[in-house]
Each structure stands twice: as structure tokens, then as C-alpha cells.
């Protein structure tokens, strides 16, 4: 195929801070979790601007639940590397653990991202 007949590539969708956050969280839980909900709210103080993110992440099955428990332990102290963002606060606000009919864990967490200037 020659350059003249090559189809132009569609423009790449730009990854948002929320996309980058979900990717960083997926790395932290070794891709065992599935994001059920993700909401984002603008946040500002006198000196900083950013967004507060609330997520619910499902871990289903024995291995996933184990990864979810490790995620819960690691999240508050994890050093994130999200370009243009500083994770000022990260915490687990609720954990729902069920064993029947199969092991599952739902983790609700909140993170505050500040824009780096």
C-alpha cells in the first residue's frame, strides 16, 4: 500500500487525569479489580485547585479478593506518579466483603488530585 492510499489515523483521544488515575489504581491492584463507579468533583482552596475522585472497585474470586486486600493496605501510603497531578490524599472509605456465593470484595475509595503548577 502506498502512502497516497493509506487511511489517515483518527485523532488520539487525550487521556484525562481521571483516565490516568484509573490506570494508576489498576497497576496498584495488579489489574484484578473492576471499576464499578467513578465520580469526579472539582475541588479548590485558596492556594490549590484539583479534583476529588470517588471510586467503587469490585474484586471477584479468591485471587482478586487477595489483591483487593493488598490494595486496601497499600492505597493510603502509595506514591502515585500521575503526570501533571499530585495525589494529596488517598484513602479507603468503605470495604464490603462477601464469601457467598463466591468471594468478593467491594472497595470504596476517595482520592484528592491537585494540579501541579
PDB file of N, CA and C in Angstrom:
ATOM      1  N   UNK A   1       0.852  -1.165   0.000  1.00  0.00           N
ATOM      2  CA  UNK A   1       0.000   0.000   0.000  1.00  0.00           C
ATOM      3  C   UNK A   1       0.902   1.234   0.000  1.00  0.00           C
ATOM      4  N   UNK A   2       0.616   2.179  -0.860  1.00  0.00           N
ATOM      5  CA  UNK A   2       1.436   3.392  -0.939  1.00  0.00           C
ATOM      6  C   UNK A   2       0.940   4.419   0.059  1.00  0.00           C
ATOM      7  N   UNK A   3       1.782   5.435   0.270  1.00  0.00           N
ATOM      8  CA  UNK A   3       1.415   6.500   1.206  1.00  0.00           C
ATOM      9  C   UNK A   3       0.163   7.241   0.760  1.00  0.00           C
ATOM     10  N   UNK A   4      -0.061   7.293  -0.576  1.00  0.00           N
ATOM     11  CA  UNK A   4      -1.215   8.042  -1.094  1.00  0.00           C
ATOM     12  C   UNK A   4      -2.528   7.363  -0.739  1.00  0.00           C
ATOM     13  N   UNK A   5      -2.535   6.032  -0.617  1.00  0.00           N
ATOM     14  CA  UNK A   5      -3.782   5.320  -0.333  1.00  0.00           C
ATOM     15  C   UNK A   5      -3.953   4.980   1.143  1.00  0.00           C
ATOM     16  N   UNK A   6      -2.947   5.278   1.951  1.00  0.00           N
ATOM     17  CA  UNK A   6      -3.046   4.989   3.389  1.00  0.00           C
ATOM     18  C   UNK A   6      -4.150   5.848   4.002  1.00  0.00           C
ATOM     19  N   UNK A   7      -4.923   5.214   4.844  1.00  0.00           N
ATOM     20  CA  UNK A   7      -6.011   5.929   5.519  1.00  0.00           C
ATOM     21  C   UNK A   7      -5.438   6.799   6.625  1.00  0.00           C
ATOM     22  N   UNK A   8      -5.932   8.021   6.769  1.00  0.00           N
ATOM     23  CA  UNK A   8      -5.436   8.849   7.875  1.00  0.00           C
ATOM     24  C   UNK A   8      -5.869   8.241   9.202  1.00  0.00           C
ATOM     25  N   UNK A   9      -5.008   8.376  10.176  1.00  0.00           N
ATOM     26  CA  UNK A   9      -5.332   7.862  11.515  1.00  0.00           C
ATOM     27  C   UNK A   9      -6.298   8.811  12.195  1.00  0.00           C
ATOM     28  N   UNK A  10      -7.271   8.252  12.911  1.00  0.00           N
ATOM     29  CA  UNK A  10      -8.155   9.138  13.670  1.00  0.00           C
ATOM     30  C   UNK A  10      -7.359   9.805  14.784  1.00  0.00           C
ATOM     31  N   UNK A  11      -7.776  11.003  15.182  1.00  0.00           N
ATOM     32  CA  UNK A  11      -7.032  11.665  16.266  1.00  0.00           C
ATOM     33  C   UNK A  11      -7.101  10.831  17.536  1.00  0.00           C
ATOM     34  N   UNK A  12      -6.006  10.814  18.254  1.00  0.00           N
ATOM     35  CA  UNK A  12      -5.947  10.063  19.506  1.00  0.00           C
ATOM     36  C   UNK A  12      -6.721  10.807  20.575  1.00  0.00           C
ATOM     37  N   UNK A  13      -7.526  10.067  21.305  1.00  0.00           N
ATOM     38  CA  UNK A  13      -8.255  10.682  22.420  1.00  0.00           C
ATOM     39  C   UNK A  13      -7.247  11.018  23.511  1.00  0.00           C
ATOM     40  N   UNK A  14      -7.324  12.224  24.025  1.00  0.00           N
ATOM     41  CA  UNK A  14      -6.400  12.641  25.066  1.00  0.00           C
ATOM     42  C   UNK A  14      -6.811  12.021  26.394  1.00  0.00           C
ATOM     43  N   UNK A  15      -5.838  11.467  27.087  1.00  0.00           N
ATOM     44  CA  UNK A  15      -6.130  10.850  28.385  1.00  0.00           C
ATOM     45  C   UNK A  15      -6.308  11.944  29.431  1.00  0.00           C
ATOM     46  N   UNK A  16      -7.379  11.842  30.169  1.00  0.00           N
ATOM     47  CA  UNK A  16      -7.660  12.815  31.220  1.00  0.00           C
ATOM     48  C   UNK A  16      -6.979  12.385  32.514  1.00  0.00           C
ATOM     49  N   UNK A  17      -6.996  13.273  33.494  1.00  0.00           N
ATOM     50  CA  UNK A  17      -6.458  12.938  34.819  1.00  0.00           C
ATOM     51  C   UNK A  17      -7.217  11.740  35.397  1.00  0.00           C
ATOM     52  N   UNK A  18      -8.528  11.666  35.155  1.00  0.00           N
ATOM     53  CA  UNK A  18      -9.330  10.534  35.649  1.00  0.00           C
ATOM     54  C   UNK A  18      -8.874   9.230  34.992  1.00  0.00           C
ATOM     55  N   UNK A  19      -8.593   9.273  33.679  1.00  0.00           N
ATOM     56  CA  UNK A  19      -8.090   8.081  32.981  1.00  0.00           C
ATOM     57  C   UNK A  19      -6.760   7.640  33.574  1.00  0.00           C
ATOM     58  N   UNK A  20      -5.881   8.602  33.812  1.00  0.00           N
ATOM     59  CA  UNK A  20      -4.556   8.294  34.354  1.00  0.00           C
ATOM     60  C   UNK A  20      -4.666   7.753  35.783  1.00  0.00           C
ATOM     61  N   UNK A  21      -5.621   8.293  36.549  1.00  0.00           N
ATOM     62  CA  UNK A  21      -5.829   7.804  37.913  1.00  0.00           C
ATOM     63  C   UNK A  21      -6.308   6.358  37.892  1.00  0.00           C
ATOM     64  N   UNK A  22      -7.299   6.057  37.044  1.00  0.00           N
ATOM     65  CA  UNK A  22      -7.790   4.674  36.958  1.00  0.00           C
ATOM     66  C   UNK A  22      -6.667   3.721  36.546  1.00  0.00           C
ATOM     67  N   UNK A  23      -5.819   4.154  35.620  1.00  0.00           N
ATOM     68  CA  UNK A  23      -4.693   3.310  35.190  1.00  0.00           C
ATOM     69  C   UNK A  23      -3.708   3.092  36.342  1.00  0.00           C
ATOM     70  N   UNK A  24      -3.432   4.139  37.117  1.00  0.00           N
ATOM     71  CA  UNK A  24      -2.513   4.013  38.258  1.00  0.00           C
ATOM     72  C   UNK A  24      -3.100   3.095  39.326  1.00  0.00           C
ATOM     73  N   UNK A  25      -4.398   3.196  39.562  1.00  0.00           N
ATOM     74  CA  UNK A  25      -5.048   2.313  40.535  1.00  0.00           C
ATOM     75  C   UNK A  25      -5.019   0.867  40.037  1.00  0.00           C
ATOM     76  N   UNK A  26      -5.228   0.664  38.735  1.00  0.00           N
ATOM     77  CA  UNK A  26      -5.194  -0.687  38.166  1.00  0.00           C
ATOM     78  C   UNK A  26      -3.808  -1.307  38.360  1.00  0.00           C
ATOM     79  N   UNK A  27      -2.772  -0.506  38.192  1.00  0.00           N
ATOM     80  CA  UNK A  27      -1.414  -1.005  38.434  1.00  0.00           C
ATOM     81  C   UNK A  27      -1.256  -1.406  39.900  1.00  0.00           C
ATOM     82  N   UNK A  28      -1.813  -0.593  40.799  1.00  0.00           N
ATOM     83  CA  UNK A  28      -1.686  -0.860  42.231  1.00  0.00           C
ATOM     84  C   UNK A  28      -2.395  -2.154  42.627  1.00  0.00           C
ATOM     85  N   UNK A  29      -3.544  -2.448  42.017  1.00  0.00           N
ATOM     86  CA  UNK A  29      -4.243  -3.695  42.365  1.00  0.00           C
ATOM     87  C   UNK A  29      -3.982  -4.811  41.356  1.00  0.00           C
ATOM     88  N   UNK A  30      -2.900  -4.661  40.574  1.00  0.00           N
ATOM     89  CA  UNK A  30      -2.447  -5.690  39.625  1.00  0.00           C
ATOM     90  C   UNK A  30      -3.539  -6.084  38.628  1.00  0.00           C
ATOM     91  N   UNK A  31      -4.412  -5.155  38.299  1.00  0.00           N
ATOM     92  CA  UNK A  31      -5.478  -5.348  37.300  1.00  0.00           C
ATOM     93  C   UNK A  31      -6.499  -6.410  37.709  1.00  0.00           C
ATOM     94  N   UNK A  32      -6.616  -6.675  39.004  1.00  0.00           N
ATOM     95  CA  UNK A  32      -7.608  -7.637  39.488  1.00  0.00           C
ATOM     96  C   UNK A  32      -8.972  -6.995  39.734  1.00  0.00           C
ATOM     97  N   UNK A  33      -9.012  -5.687  39.877  1.00  0.00           N
ATOM     98  CA  UNK A  33     -10.264  -5.012  40.206  1.00  0.00           C
ATOM     99  C   UNK A  33     -10.972  -4.490  38.977  1.00  0.00           C
ATOM    100  N   UNK A  34     -12.277  -4.294  39.128  1.00  0.00           N
ATOM    101  CA  UNK A  34     -13.108  -3.727  38.071  1.00  0.00           C
ATOM    102  C   UNK A  34     -13.799  -2.491  38.646  1.00  0.00           C
ATOM    103  N   UNK A  35     -13.599  -1.342  37.996  1.00  0.00           N
ATOM    104  CA  UNK A  35     -14.223  -0.116  38.481  1.00  0.00           C
ATOM    105  C   UNK A  35     -15.719  -0.186  38.205  1.00  0.00           C
ATOM    106  N   UNK A  36     -16.506  -0.103  39.281  1.00  0.00           N
ATOM    107  CA  UNK A  36     -17.970  -0.113  39.151  1.00  0.00           C
ATOM    108  C   UNK A  36     -18.494   1.303  38.954  1.00  0.00           C
ATOM    109  N   UNK A  37     -17.972   2.234  39.746  1.00  0.00           N
ATOM    110  CA  UNK A  37     -18.384   3.641  39.629  1.00  0.00           C
ATOM    111  C   UNK A  37     -17.162   4.528  39.829  1.00  0.00           C
ATOM    112  N   UNK A  38     -17.205   5.686  39.183  1.00  0.00           N
ATOM    113  CA  UNK A  38     -16.141   6.681  39.346  1.00  0.00           C
ATOM    114  C   UNK A  38     -16.778   8.049  39.148  1.00  0.00           C
ATOM    115  N   UNK A  39     -16.780   8.835  40.214  1.00  0.00           N
ATOM    116  CA  UNK A  39     -17.282  10.202  40.113  1.00  0.00           C
ATOM    117  C   UNK A  39     -16.134  11.161  40.401  1.00  0.00           C
ATOM    118  N   UNK A  40     -16.258  12.334  39.838  1.00  0.00           N
ATOM    119  CA  UNK A  40     -15.209  13.341  39.951  1.00  0.00           C
ATOM    120  C   UNK A  40     -15.876  14.687  40.221  1.00  0.00           C
ATOM    121  N   UNK A  41     -15.332  15.419  41.203  1.00  0.00           N
ATOM    122  CA  UNK A  41     -15.868  16.738  41.570  1.00  0.00           C
ATOM    123  C   UNK A  41     -14.730  17.734  41.621  1.00  0.00           C
ATOM    124  N   UNK A  42     -14.962  18.924  41.092  1.00  0.00           N
ATOM    125  CA  UNK A  42     -13.945  19.970  41.186  1.00  0.00           C
ATOM    126  C   UNK A  42     -13.722  20.312  42.654  1.00  0.00           C
ATOM    127  N   UNK A  43     -12.481  20.635  42.984  1.00  0.00           N
ATOM    128  CA  UNK A  43     -12.110  20.982  44.355  1.00  0.00           C
ATOM    129  C   UNK A  43     -11.135  22.145  44.292  1.00  0.00           C
ATOM    130  N   UNK A  44     -11.258  23.074  45.223  1.00  0.00           N
ATOM    131  CA  UNK A  44     -10.314  24.198  45.256  1.00  0.00           C
ATOM    132  C   UNK A  44     -10.197  24.745  46.668  1.00  0.00           C
ATOM    133  N   UNK A  45      -9.008  25.262  46.960  1.00  0.00           N
ATOM    134  CA  UNK A  45      -8.765  26.001  48.192  1.00  0.00           C
ATOM    135  C   UNK A  45      -8.197  27.350  47.752  1.00  0.00           C
ATOM    136  N   UNK A  46      -7.773  28.138  48.683  1.00  0.00           N
ATOM    137  CA  UNK A  46      -7.208  29.440  48.333  1.00  0.00           C
ATOM    138  C   UNK A  46      -5.953  29.272  47.470  1.00  0.00           C
ATOM    139  N   UNK A  47      -5.166  28.253  47.740  1.00  0.00           N
ATOM    140  CA  UNK A  47      -3.890  28.098  47.036  1.00  0.00           C
ATOM    141  C   UNK A  47      -3.839  26.948  46.025  1.00  0.00           C
ATOM    142  N   UNK A  48      -4.781  26.008  46.062  1.00  0.00           N
ATOM    143  CA  UNK A  48      -4.712  24.837  45.190  1.00  0.00           C
ATOM    144  C   UNK A  48      -6.033  24.610  44.468  1.00  0.00           C
ATOM    145  N   UNK A  49      -5.938  23.964  43.303  1.00  0.00           N
ATOM    146  CA  UNK A  49      -7.121  23.533  42.554  1.00  0.00           C
ATOM    147  C   UNK A  49      -6.913  22.081  42.166  1.00  0.00           C
ATOM    148  N   UNK A  50      -8.006  21.357  42.078  1.00  0.00           N
ATOM    149  CA  UNK A  50      -7.895  19.958  41.704  1.00  0.00           C
ATOM    150  C   UNK A  50      -9.251  19.299  41.626  1.00  0.00           C
ATOM    151  N   UNK A  51      -9.255  17.986  41.810  1.00  0.00           N
ATOM    152  CA  UNK A  51     -10.486  17.213  41.744  1.00  0.00           C
ATOM    153  C   UNK A  51     -10.493  16.136  42.819  1.00  0.00           C
ATOM    154  N   UNK A  52     -11.688  15.873  43.352  1.00  0.00           N
ATOM    155  CA  UNK A  52     -11.874  14.775  44.306  1.00  0.00           C
ATOM    156  C   UNK A  52     -12.549  13.639  43.548  1.00  0.00           C
ATOM    157  N   UNK A  53     -11.946  12.462  43.643  1.00  0.00           N
ATOM    158  CA  UNK A  53     -12.431  11.284  42.925  1.00  0.00           C
ATOM    159  C   UNK A  53     -12.942  10.259  43.921  1.00  0.00           C
ATOM    160  N   UNK A  54     -14.126   9.708  43.638  1.00  0.00           N
ATOM    161  CA  UNK A  54     -14.704   8.632  44.447  1.00  0.00           C
ATOM    162  C   UNK A  54     -14.913   7.435  43.534  1.00  0.00           C
ATOM    163  N   UNK A  55     -14.381   6.290  43.936  1.00  0.00           N
ATOM    164  CA  UNK A  55     -14.484   5.088  43.119  1.00  0.00           C
ATOM    165  C   UNK A  55     -14.984   3.915  43.940  1.00  0.00           C
ATOM    166  N   UNK A  56     -15.697   3.027  43.280  1.00  0.00           N
ATOM    167  CA  UNK A  56     -16.057   1.728  43.848  1.00  0.00           C
ATOM    168  C   UNK A  56     -15.418   0.692  42.936  1.00  0.00           C
ATOM    169  N   UNK A  57     -14.616  -0.187  43.513  1.00  0.00           N
ATOM    170  CA  UNK A  57     -13.876  -1.183  42.745  1.00  0.00           C
ATOM    171  C   UNK A  57     -14.241  -2.570  43.252  1.00  0.00           C
ATOM    172  N   UNK A  58     -14.613  -3.456  42.323  1.00  0.00           N
ATOM    173  CA  UNK A  58     -15.011  -4.829  42.644  1.00  0.00           C
ATOM    174  C   UNK A  58     -13.841  -5.779  42.425  1.00  0.00           C
ATOM    175  N   UNK A  59     -13.618  -6.650  43.406  1.00  0.00           N
ATOM    176  CA  UNK A  59     -12.644  -7.731  43.302  1.00  0.00           C
ATOM    177  C   UNK A  59     -13.434  -9.031  43.475  1.00  0.00           C
ATOM    178  N   UNK A  60     -13.516  -9.857  42.416  1.00  0.00           N
ATOM    179  CA  UNK A  60     -14.330 -11.081  42.462  1.00  0.00           C
ATOM    180  C   UNK A  60     -13.447 -12.310  42.282  1.00  0.00           C
ATOM    181  N   UNK A  61     -13.601 -13.268  43.184  1.00  0.00           N
ATOM    182  CA  UNK A  61     -12.810 -14.503  43.141  1.00  0.00           C
ATOM    183  C   UNK A  61     -11.692 -14.461  44.173  1.00  0.00           C
ATOM    184  N   UNK A  62     -11.165 -15.627  44.504  1.00  0.00           N
ATOM    185  CA  UNK A  62     -10.147 -15.739  45.559  1.00  0.00           C
ATOM    186  C   UNK A  62      -8.918 -14.872  45.308  1.00  0.00           C
ATOM    187  N   UNK A  63      -8.323 -14.989  44.115  1.00  0.00           N
ATOM    188  CA  UNK A  63      -7.107 -14.218  43.816  1.00  0.00           C
ATOM    189  C   UNK A  63      -7.391 -12.720  43.809  1.00  0.00           C
ATOM    190  N   UNK A  64      -8.511 -12.349  43.238  1.00  0.00           N
ATOM    191  CA  UNK A  64      -8.864 -10.927  43.163  1.00  0.00           C
ATOM    192  C   UNK A  64      -9.109 -10.347  44.558  1.00  0.00           C
ATOM    193  N   UNK A  65      -9.785 -11.108  45.423  1.00  0.00           N
ATOM    194  CA  UNK A  65     -10.038 -10.634  46.790  1.00  0.00           C
ATOM    195  C   UNK A  65      -8.714 -10.434  47.527  1.00  0.00           C
ATOM    196  N   UNK A  66      -7.786 -11.354  47.333  1.00  0.00           N
ATOM    197  CA  UNK A  66      -6.471 -11.208  47.957  1.00  0.00           C
ATOM    198  C   UNK A  66      -5.776  -9.940  47.445  1.00  0.00           C
ATOM    199  N   UNK A  67      -5.853  -9.700  46.144  1.00  0.00           N
ATOM    200  CA  UNK A  67      -5.272  -8.480  45.564  1.00  0.00           C
ATOM    201  C   UNK A  67      -5.987  -7.244  46.105  1.00  0.00           C
ATOM    202  N   UNK A  68      -7.299  -7.351  46.301  1.00  0.00           N
ATOM    203  CA  UNK A  68      -8.076  -6.241  46.848  1.00  0.00           C
ATOM    204  C   UNK A  68      -7.684  -5.915  48.277  1.00  0.00           C
ATOM    205  N   UNK A  69      -7.420  -6.948  49.069  1.00  0.00           N
ATOM    206  CA  UNK A  69      -6.990  -6.722  50.452  1.00  0.00           C
ATOM    207  C   UNK A  69      -5.621  -6.041  50.483  1.00  0.00           C
ATOM    208  N   UNK A  70      -4.729  -6.445  49.561  1.00  0.00           N
ATOM    209  CA  UNK A  70      -3.425  -5.789  49.463  1.00  0.00           C
ATOM    210  C   UNK A  70      -3.580  -4.338  49.009  1.00  0.00           C
ATOM    211  N   UNK A  71      -4.521  -4.090  48.100  1.00  0.00           N
ATOM    212  CA  UNK A  71      -4.821  -2.745  47.615  1.00  0.00           C
ATOM    213  C   UNK A  71      -5.279  -1.853  48.770  1.00  0.00           C
ATOM    214  N   UNK A  72      -6.177  -2.372  49.600  1.00  0.00           N
ATOM    215  CA  UNK A  72      -6.686  -1.614  50.754  1.00  0.00           C
ATOM    216  C   UNK A  72      -5.531  -1.220  51.679  1.00  0.00           C
ATOM    217  N   UNK A  73      -4.610  -2.147  51.911  1.00  0.00           N
ATOM    218  CA  UNK A  73      -3.475  -1.869  52.800  1.00  0.00           C
ATOM    219  C   UNK A  73      -2.497  -0.873  52.180  1.00  0.00           C
ATOM    220  N   UNK A  74      -2.309  -0.937  50.863  1.00  0.00           N
ATOM    221  CA  UNK A  74      -1.284  -0.119  50.201  1.00  0.00           C
ATOM    222  C   UNK A  74      -1.750   1.286  49.816  1.00  0.00           C
ATOM    223  N   UNK A  75      -3.034   1.464  49.543  1.00  0.00           N
ATOM    224  CA  UNK A  75      -3.522   2.734  48.982  1.00  0.00           C
ATOM    225  C   UNK A  75      -3.142   3.980  49.775  1.00  0.00           C
ATOM    226  N   UNK A  76      -3.374   4.034  51.083  1.00  0.00           N
ATOM    227  CA  UNK A  76      -3.138   5.295  51.798  1.00  0.00           C
ATOM    228  C   UNK A  76      -1.699   5.823  51.717  1.00  0.00           C
ATOM    229  N   UNK A  77      -0.715   4.939  51.602  1.00  0.00           N
ATOM    230  CA  UNK A  77       0.686   5.363  51.601  1.00  0.00           C
ATOM    231  C   UNK A  77       1.347   5.274  50.229  1.00  0.00           C
ATOM    232  N   UNK A  78       0.577   4.916  49.212  1.00  0.00           N
ATOM    233  CA  UNK A  78       1.155   4.724  47.874  1.00  0.00           C
ATOM    234  C   UNK A  78       1.598   6.059  47.264  1.00  0.00           C
ATOM    235  N   UNK A  79       2.776   6.056  46.654  1.00  0.00           N
ATOM    236  CA  UNK A  79       3.295   7.230  45.951  1.00  0.00           C
ATOM    237  C   UNK A  79       2.886   7.123  44.488  1.00  0.00           C
ATOM    238  N   UNK A  80       1.935   7.925  44.070  1.00  0.00           N
ATOM    239  CA  UNK A  80       1.444   7.901  42.693  1.00  0.00           C
ATOM    240  C   UNK A  80       2.343   8.747  41.803  1.00  0.00           C
ATOM    241  N   UNK A  81       2.428   8.369  40.533  1.00  0.00           N
ATOM    242  CA  UNK A  81       3.156   9.150  39.526  1.00  0.00           C
ATOM    243  C   UNK A  81       2.191   9.423  38.376  1.00  0.00           C
ATOM    244  N   UNK A  82       1.392  10.473  38.528  1.00  0.00           N
ATOM    245  CA  UNK A  82       0.415  10.853  37.514  1.00  0.00           C
ATOM    246  C   UNK A  82       0.862  12.203  36.947  1.00  0.00           C
ATOM    247  N   UNK A  83       1.232  12.242  35.666  1.00  0.00           N
ATOM    248  CA  UNK A  83       1.735  13.490  35.080  1.00  0.00           C
ATOM    249  C   UNK A  83       0.780  14.670  35.284  1.00  0.00           C
ATOM    250  N   UNK A  84       1.341  15.776  35.786  1.00  0.00           N
ATOM    251  CA  UNK A  84       0.564  16.996  35.988  1.00  0.00           C
ATOM    252  C   UNK A  84      -0.316  16.992  37.224  1.00  0.00           C
ATOM    253  N   UNK A  85      -0.296  15.910  37.992  1.00  0.00           N
ATOM    254  CA  UNK A  85      -1.169  15.783  39.164  1.00  0.00           C
ATOM    255  C   UNK A  85      -0.365  15.339  40.377  1.00  0.00           C
ATOM    256  N   UNK A  86      -0.781  15.810  41.525  1.00  0.00           N
ATOM    257  CA  UNK A  86      -0.222  15.373  42.795  1.00  0.00           C
ATOM    258  C   UNK A  86      -1.369  14.761  43.588  1.00  0.00           C
ATOM    259  N   UNK A  87      -1.204  13.521  44.035  1.00  0.00           N
ATOM    260  CA  UNK A  87      -2.237  12.889  44.858  1.00  0.00           C
ATOM    261  C   UNK A  87      -1.998  13.341  46.292  1.00  0.00           C
ATOM    262  N   UNK A  88      -2.833  14.273  46.733  1.00  0.00           N
ATOM    263  CA  UNK A  88      -2.672  14.873  48.055  1.00  0.00           C
ATOM    264  C   UNK A  88      -3.258  14.001  49.159  1.00  0.00           C
ATOM    265  N   UNK A  89      -4.254  13.192  48.806  1.00  0.00           N
ATOM    266  CA  UNK A  89      -4.903  12.351  49.813  1.00  0.00           C
ATOM    267  C   UNK A  89      -5.498  11.145  49.107  1.00  0.00           C
ATOM    268  N   UNK A  90      -5.346   9.982  49.698  1.00  0.00           N
ATOM    269  CA  UNK A  90      -5.926   8.754  49.158  1.00  0.00           C
ATOM    270  C   UNK A  90      -6.321   7.870  50.331  1.00  0.00           C
ATOM    271  N   UNK A  91      -7.559   7.434  50.327  1.00  0.00           N
ATOM    272  CA  UNK A  91      -7.996   6.602  51.433  1.00  0.00           C
ATOM    273  C   UNK A  91      -9.162   5.711  51.077  1.00  0.00           C
ATOM    274  N   UNK A  92      -9.303   4.658  51.840  1.00  0.00           N
ATOM    275  CA  UNK A  92     -10.422   3.726  51.697  1.00  0.00           C
ATOM    276  C   UNK A  92     -11.509   4.204  52.646  1.00  0.00           C
ATOM    277  N   UNK A  93     -12.730   4.373  52.126  1.00  0.00           N
ATOM    278  CA  UNK A  93     -13.822   4.840  52.972  1.00  0.00           C
ATOM    279  C   UNK A  93     -14.795   3.724  53.356  1.00  0.00           C
ATOM    280  N   UNK A  94     -14.772   2.626  52.582  1.00  0.00           N
ATOM    281  CA  UNK A  94     -15.661   1.508  52.918  1.00  0.00           C
ATOM    282  C   UNK A  94     -15.167   0.245  52.222  1.00  0.00           C
ATOM    283  N   UNK A  95     -15.312  -0.884  52.917  1.00  0.00           N
ATOM    284  CA  UNK A  95     -14.979  -2.190  52.344  1.00  0.00           C
ATOM    285  C   UNK A  95     -16.152  -3.115  52.624  1.00  0.00           C
ATOM    286  N   UNK A  96     -16.655  -3.748  51.575  1.00  0.00           N
ATOM    287  CA  UNK A  96     -17.742  -4.722  51.700  1.00  0.00           C
ATOM    288  C   UNK A  96     -17.189  -6.070  51.267  1.00  0.00           C
ATOM    289  N   UNK A  97     -17.217  -7.048  52.178  1.00  0.00           N
ATOM    290  CA  UNK A  97     -16.607  -8.358  51.939  1.00  0.00           C
ATOM    291  C   UNK A  97     -17.703  -9.411  51.998  1.00  0.00           C
ATOM    292  N   UNK A  98     -17.810 -10.230  50.944  1.00  0.00           N
ATOM    293  CA  UNK A  98     -18.786 -11.329  50.936  1.00  0.00           C
ATOM    294  C   UNK A  98     -18.092 -12.620  50.554  1.00  0.00           C
ATOM    295  N   UNK A  99     -18.539 -13.723  51.105  1.00  0.00           N
ATOM    296  CA  UNK A  99     -17.974 -15.030  50.783  1.00  0.00           C
ATOM    297  C   UNK A  99     -18.910 -15.896  49.955  1.00  0.00           C
ATOM    298  N   UNK A 100     -20.219 -15.635  50.041  1.00  0.00           N
ATOM    299  CA  UNK A 100     -21.204 -16.474  49.361  1.00  0.00           C
ATOM    300  C   UNK A 100     -21.961 -15.627  48.343  1.00  0.00           C
ATOM    301  N   UNK A 101     -22.201 -16.042  47.119  1.00  0.00           N
ATOM    302  CA  UNK A 101     -21.903 -17.360  46.562  1.00  0.00           C
ATOM    303  C   UNK A 101     -20.438 -17.530  46.142  1.00  0.00           C
ATOM    304  N   UNK A 102     -19.701 -16.449  45.974  1.00  0.00           N
ATOM    305  CA  UNK A 102     -18.260 -16.541  45.714  1.00  0.00           C
ATOM    306  C   UNK A 102     -17.582 -15.389  46.448  1.00  0.00           C
ATOM    307  N   UNK A 103     -16.307 -15.541  46.754  1.00  0.00           N
ATOM    308  CA  UNK A 103     -15.615 -14.453  47.438  1.00  0.00           C
ATOM    309  C   UNK A 103     -15.615 -13.182  46.584  1.00  0.00           C
ATOM    310  N   UNK A 104     -15.969 -12.080  47.210  1.00  0.00           N
ATOM    311  CA  UNK A 104     -15.931 -10.794  46.520  1.00  0.00           C
ATOM    312  C   UNK A 104     -15.707  -9.678  47.524  1.00  0.00           C
ATOM    313  N   UNK A 105     -15.097  -8.640  47.030  1.00  0.00           N
ATOM    314  CA  UNK A 105     -14.749  -7.500  47.858  1.00  0.00           C
ATOM    315  C   UNK A 105     -15.066  -6.249  47.049  1.00  0.00           C
ATOM    316  N   UNK A 106     -15.778  -5.324  47.650  1.00  0.00           N
ATOM    317  CA  UNK A 106     -16.018  -4.035  47.006  1.00  0.00           C
ATOM    318  C   UNK A 106     -15.340  -2.978  47.869  1.00  0.00           C
ATOM    319  N   UNK A 107     -14.447  -2.229  47.248  1.00  0.00           N
ATOM    320  CA  UNK A 107     -13.691  -1.195  47.944  1.00  0.00           C
ATOM    321  C   UNK A 107     -14.146   0.163  47.429  1.00  0.00           C
ATOM    322  N   UNK A 108     -14.531   1.032  48.362  1.00  0.00           N
ATOM    323  CA  UNK A 108     -14.866   2.414  48.002  1.00  0.00           C
ATOM    324  C   UNK A 108     -13.726   3.285  48.508  1.00  0.00           C
ATOM    325  N   UNK A 109     -13.163   4.056  47.581  1.00  0.00           N
ATOM    326  CA  UNK A 109     -12.032   4.895  47.961  1.00  0.00           C
ATOM    327  C   UNK A 109     -12.217   6.310  47.416  1.00  0.00           C
ATOM    328  N   UNK A 110     -11.524   7.242  48.059  1.00  0.00           N
ATOM    329  CA  UNK A 110     -11.544   8.628  47.628  1.00  0.00           C
ATOM    330  C   UNK A 110     -10.124   9.131  47.521  1.00  0.00           C
ATOM    331  N   UNK A 111      -9.885   9.914  46.476  1.00  0.00           N
ATOM    332  CA  UNK A 111      -8.567  10.487  46.249  1.00  0.00           C
ATOM    333  C   UNK A 111      -8.722  11.955  45.872  1.00  0.00           C
ATOM    334  N   UNK A 112      -7.814  12.756  46.359  1.00  0.00           N
ATOM    335  CA  UNK A 112      -7.779  14.179  46.026  1.00  0.00           C
ATOM    336  C   UNK A 112      -6.564  14.417  45.155  1.00  0.00           C
ATOM    337  N   UNK A 113      -6.813  14.863  43.917  1.00  0.00           N
ATOM    338  CA  UNK A 113      -5.740  15.178  42.985  1.00  0.00           C
ATOM    339  C   UNK A 113      -5.624  16.695  42.874  1.00  0.00           C
ATOM    340  N   UNK A 114      -4.402  17.185  43.020  1.00  0.00           N
ATOM    341  CA  UNK A 114      -4.143  18.614  42.871  1.00  0.00           C
ATOM    342  C   UNK A 114      -3.359  18.829  41.590  1.00  0.00           C
ATOM    343  N   UNK A 115      -3.704  19.902  40.887  1.00  0.00           N
ATOM    344  CA  UNK A 115      -2.997  20.241  39.658  1.00  0.00           C
ATOM    345  C   UNK A 115      -1.621  20.780  40.021  1.00  0.00           C
ATOM    346  N   UNK A 116      -0.594  20.217  39.389  1.00  0.00           N
ATOM    347  CA  UNK A 116       0.770  20.729  39.602  1.00  0.00           C
ATOM    348  C   UNK A 116       0.948  21.963  38.743  1.00  0.00           C
ATOM    349  N   UNK A 117       1.560  22.990  39.343  1.00  0.00           N
ATOM    350  CA  UNK A 117       1.758  24.216  38.565  1.00  0.00           C
ATOM    351  C   UNK A 117       3.185  24.387  38.142  1.00  0.00           C
TER     352      UNK A 117
END
